[in-house]
N, C-alpha and C. Protein backbone atom coordinates (compact mmCIF):
# COMPACT_ATOMS: atom_id res chain seq x y z
N MET A 1 88.64 140.90 55.70
CA MET A 1 88.20 139.61 55.31
C MET A 1 86.94 139.78 54.41
N LEU A 2 86.17 140.86 54.65
CA LEU A 2 84.97 141.08 53.84
C LEU A 2 85.20 141.87 52.53
N LYS A 3 86.39 142.44 52.39
CA LYS A 3 86.73 143.32 51.28
C LYS A 3 86.43 142.73 49.95
N PRO A 4 86.69 141.43 49.69
CA PRO A 4 86.44 140.92 48.37
C PRO A 4 84.94 140.99 47.96
N TRP A 5 84.05 140.99 48.94
CA TRP A 5 82.67 141.05 48.59
C TRP A 5 82.21 142.56 48.45
N LEU A 6 83.01 143.44 48.92
CA LEU A 6 82.77 144.82 48.69
C LEU A 6 83.22 145.33 47.39
N ASN A 7 84.45 144.96 46.98
CA ASN A 7 84.98 145.42 45.72
C ASN A 7 84.75 144.50 44.52
N GLY A 8 84.05 143.41 44.70
CA GLY A 8 83.69 142.57 43.57
C GLY A 8 84.78 141.53 43.27
N ASP A 9 85.74 141.34 44.08
CA ASP A 9 86.81 140.38 43.77
C ASP A 9 86.58 139.05 44.51
N ALA A 10 85.37 138.75 44.96
CA ALA A 10 85.11 137.54 45.71
C ALA A 10 85.30 136.29 44.79
N GLY A 11 84.89 136.46 43.54
CA GLY A 11 85.02 135.44 42.56
C GLY A 11 84.66 134.05 43.14
N ALA A 12 85.60 133.10 43.28
CA ALA A 12 85.31 131.78 43.76
C ALA A 12 85.38 131.65 45.27
N LEU A 13 85.59 132.75 45.96
CA LEU A 13 85.65 132.70 47.41
C LEU A 13 84.33 132.18 47.95
N SER A 14 84.33 131.34 48.82
CA SER A 14 83.11 130.77 49.39
C SER A 14 82.70 131.54 50.64
N GLN A 15 81.50 131.95 50.73
CA GLN A 15 81.04 132.65 51.96
C GLN A 15 81.01 131.63 53.14
N ARG A 16 80.78 130.37 52.78
CA ARG A 16 80.79 129.30 53.84
C ARG A 16 82.19 129.18 54.41
N ASP A 17 83.15 129.16 53.57
CA ASP A 17 84.57 129.05 54.05
C ASP A 17 84.96 130.31 54.83
N ALA A 18 84.63 131.56 54.37
CA ALA A 18 84.95 132.72 55.06
C ALA A 18 84.29 132.72 56.39
N ALA A 19 83.04 132.36 56.50
CA ALA A 19 82.33 132.32 57.73
C ALA A 19 83.04 131.40 58.73
N ALA A 20 83.42 130.22 58.27
CA ALA A 20 84.04 129.25 59.14
C ALA A 20 85.40 129.79 59.60
N GLU A 21 86.17 130.52 58.74
CA GLU A 21 87.41 131.11 59.15
C GLU A 21 87.22 132.18 60.21
N LEU A 22 86.08 132.94 60.05
CA LEU A 22 85.83 134.01 61.03
C LEU A 22 85.14 133.45 62.30
N GLY A 23 84.70 132.20 62.25
CA GLY A 23 83.97 131.65 63.40
C GLY A 23 82.59 132.12 63.61
N VAL A 24 81.92 132.41 62.47
CA VAL A 24 80.51 132.86 62.51
C VAL A 24 79.70 131.99 61.56
N SER A 25 78.36 132.08 61.65
CA SER A 25 77.55 131.37 60.71
C SER A 25 77.56 132.02 59.34
N GLU A 26 77.18 131.25 58.36
CA GLU A 26 77.13 131.83 57.03
C GLU A 26 76.11 132.94 56.94
N ASN A 27 75.04 132.83 57.64
CA ASN A 27 73.99 133.90 57.68
C ASN A 27 74.57 135.22 58.33
N VAL A 28 75.26 135.02 59.35
CA VAL A 28 75.91 136.19 60.03
C VAL A 28 76.84 136.89 59.07
N LEU A 29 77.60 136.10 58.26
CA LEU A 29 78.55 136.71 57.28
C LEU A 29 77.73 137.44 56.23
N ARG A 30 76.66 136.82 55.75
CA ARG A 30 75.84 137.48 54.68
C ARG A 30 75.31 138.81 55.19
N VAL A 31 74.81 138.82 56.41
CA VAL A 31 74.25 140.08 57.03
C VAL A 31 75.39 141.09 57.08
N ALA A 32 76.55 140.72 57.56
CA ALA A 32 77.71 141.61 57.66
C ALA A 32 78.07 142.19 56.26
N ILE A 33 78.12 141.38 55.27
CA ILE A 33 78.42 141.85 53.90
C ILE A 33 77.40 142.84 53.46
N HIS A 34 76.09 142.46 53.68
CA HIS A 34 74.98 143.41 53.29
C HIS A 34 75.15 144.78 54.00
N ARG A 35 75.43 144.74 55.31
CA ARG A 35 75.57 146.00 56.02
C ARG A 35 76.80 146.81 55.57
N LEU A 36 77.88 146.09 55.31
CA LEU A 36 79.07 146.75 54.81
C LEU A 36 78.80 147.46 53.46
N ARG A 37 78.14 146.74 52.55
CA ARG A 37 77.84 147.38 51.26
C ARG A 37 76.95 148.57 51.47
N LYS A 38 75.97 148.45 52.33
CA LYS A 38 75.07 149.59 52.53
C LYS A 38 75.79 150.75 53.16
N ARG A 39 76.57 150.57 54.09
CA ARG A 39 77.42 151.70 54.66
C ARG A 39 78.33 152.28 53.59
N PHE A 40 78.96 151.48 52.80
CA PHE A 40 79.82 151.96 51.78
C PHE A 40 79.02 152.84 50.73
N ARG A 41 77.91 152.28 50.35
CA ARG A 41 77.03 153.11 49.39
C ARG A 41 76.73 154.45 50.00
N GLU A 42 76.31 154.50 51.24
CA GLU A 42 75.97 155.74 51.94
C GLU A 42 77.12 156.63 52.03
N ALA A 43 78.27 156.10 52.35
CA ALA A 43 79.51 156.93 52.49
C ALA A 43 79.85 157.55 51.09
N VAL A 44 79.83 156.81 50.06
CA VAL A 44 80.15 157.29 48.77
C VAL A 44 79.10 158.42 48.33
N ARG A 45 77.84 158.11 48.57
CA ARG A 45 76.76 159.07 48.22
C ARG A 45 77.03 160.38 48.97
N ASP A 46 77.35 160.27 50.33
CA ASP A 46 77.59 161.43 51.11
C ASP A 46 78.79 162.27 50.59
N GLU A 47 79.82 161.58 50.16
CA GLU A 47 81.00 162.29 49.64
C GLU A 47 80.69 163.07 48.41
N ILE A 48 79.89 162.37 47.54
CA ILE A 48 79.53 162.94 46.26
C ILE A 48 78.66 164.16 46.47
N ALA A 49 77.72 164.01 47.48
CA ALA A 49 76.77 165.11 47.81
C ALA A 49 77.51 166.35 48.20
N GLN A 50 78.65 166.22 48.72
CA GLN A 50 79.44 167.41 49.18
C GLN A 50 80.10 168.12 47.97
N THR A 51 80.08 167.51 46.78
CA THR A 51 80.76 168.06 45.62
C THR A 51 79.79 168.64 44.59
N VAL A 52 78.47 168.41 44.76
CA VAL A 52 77.50 168.85 43.74
C VAL A 52 76.44 169.77 44.45
N GLU A 53 75.67 170.42 43.63
CA GLU A 53 74.72 171.36 44.19
C GLU A 53 73.32 170.79 44.37
N THR A 54 72.90 169.85 43.51
CA THR A 54 71.56 169.31 43.62
C THR A 54 71.53 167.83 43.83
N ALA A 55 70.41 167.29 44.33
CA ALA A 55 70.30 165.84 44.56
C ALA A 55 70.31 165.05 43.26
N GLU A 56 69.83 165.64 42.13
CA GLU A 56 69.86 165.00 40.90
C GLU A 56 71.26 164.78 40.38
N GLU A 57 72.17 165.66 40.74
CA GLU A 57 73.52 165.55 40.31
C GLU A 57 74.24 164.33 41.02
N ILE A 58 73.72 164.01 42.21
CA ILE A 58 74.38 162.87 42.93
C ILE A 58 74.23 161.59 42.09
N SER A 59 73.04 161.33 41.54
CA SER A 59 72.85 160.14 40.74
C SER A 59 73.69 160.13 39.51
N ALA A 60 73.75 161.25 38.85
CA ALA A 60 74.56 161.42 37.65
C ALA A 60 76.05 161.15 37.92
N GLU A 61 76.51 161.66 39.01
CA GLU A 61 77.95 161.45 39.44
C GLU A 61 78.22 160.02 39.81
N LEU A 62 77.23 159.38 40.47
CA LEU A 62 77.37 158.00 40.84
C LEU A 62 77.41 157.08 39.59
N ASN A 63 76.58 157.42 38.60
CA ASN A 63 76.55 156.63 37.33
C ASN A 63 77.82 156.83 36.61
N TYR A 64 78.39 158.07 36.60
CA TYR A 64 79.64 158.30 35.97
C TYR A 64 80.81 157.52 36.64
N LEU A 65 80.78 157.58 37.92
CA LEU A 65 81.84 156.80 38.71
C LEU A 65 81.75 155.37 38.40
N ILE A 66 80.57 154.78 38.35
CA ILE A 66 80.44 153.32 38.03
C ILE A 66 80.98 153.10 36.59
N GLU A 67 80.66 153.94 35.62
CA GLU A 67 81.18 153.76 34.30
C GLU A 67 82.70 153.74 34.29
N VAL A 68 83.28 154.71 34.98
CA VAL A 68 84.76 154.84 34.96
C VAL A 68 85.37 153.58 35.59
N LEU A 69 84.76 153.11 36.71
CA LEU A 69 85.36 152.00 37.42
C LEU A 69 85.19 150.71 36.58
N HIS A 70 84.12 150.53 35.88
CA HIS A 70 83.96 149.40 34.98
C HIS A 70 84.85 149.44 33.80
N ALA A 71 85.08 150.64 33.29
CA ALA A 71 86.02 150.75 32.15
C ALA A 71 87.44 150.43 32.50
N GLY A 72 87.80 150.66 33.77
CA GLY A 72 89.14 150.38 34.17
C GLY A 72 89.40 148.94 34.54
N SER A 73 88.31 148.12 34.58
CA SER A 73 88.57 146.71 34.97
C SER A 73 88.66 145.81 33.89
C-alpha cells in the first residue's frame, strides 16, 4: 500500500484516503512512509557499499543510479 510513495508513483493518490483505507491516522501514514523511505535509502546504500572500495564511490554510484532511473522514466 505504501509502494507508490516509495517509487514516486503516488501522483494523485491521497495520503488521507490511504490512511483511511489502512485504518490509521494520516500522521501515522506519513511517519510510515518516512521510515520506509529511510530504510530503503539505507538498504540501497549498503548494497552499493559492497560493490565499491571507498566511501566516496558510494555517492558517485548513487548519483549514477539516480541518473539512470530518471533517464528511463
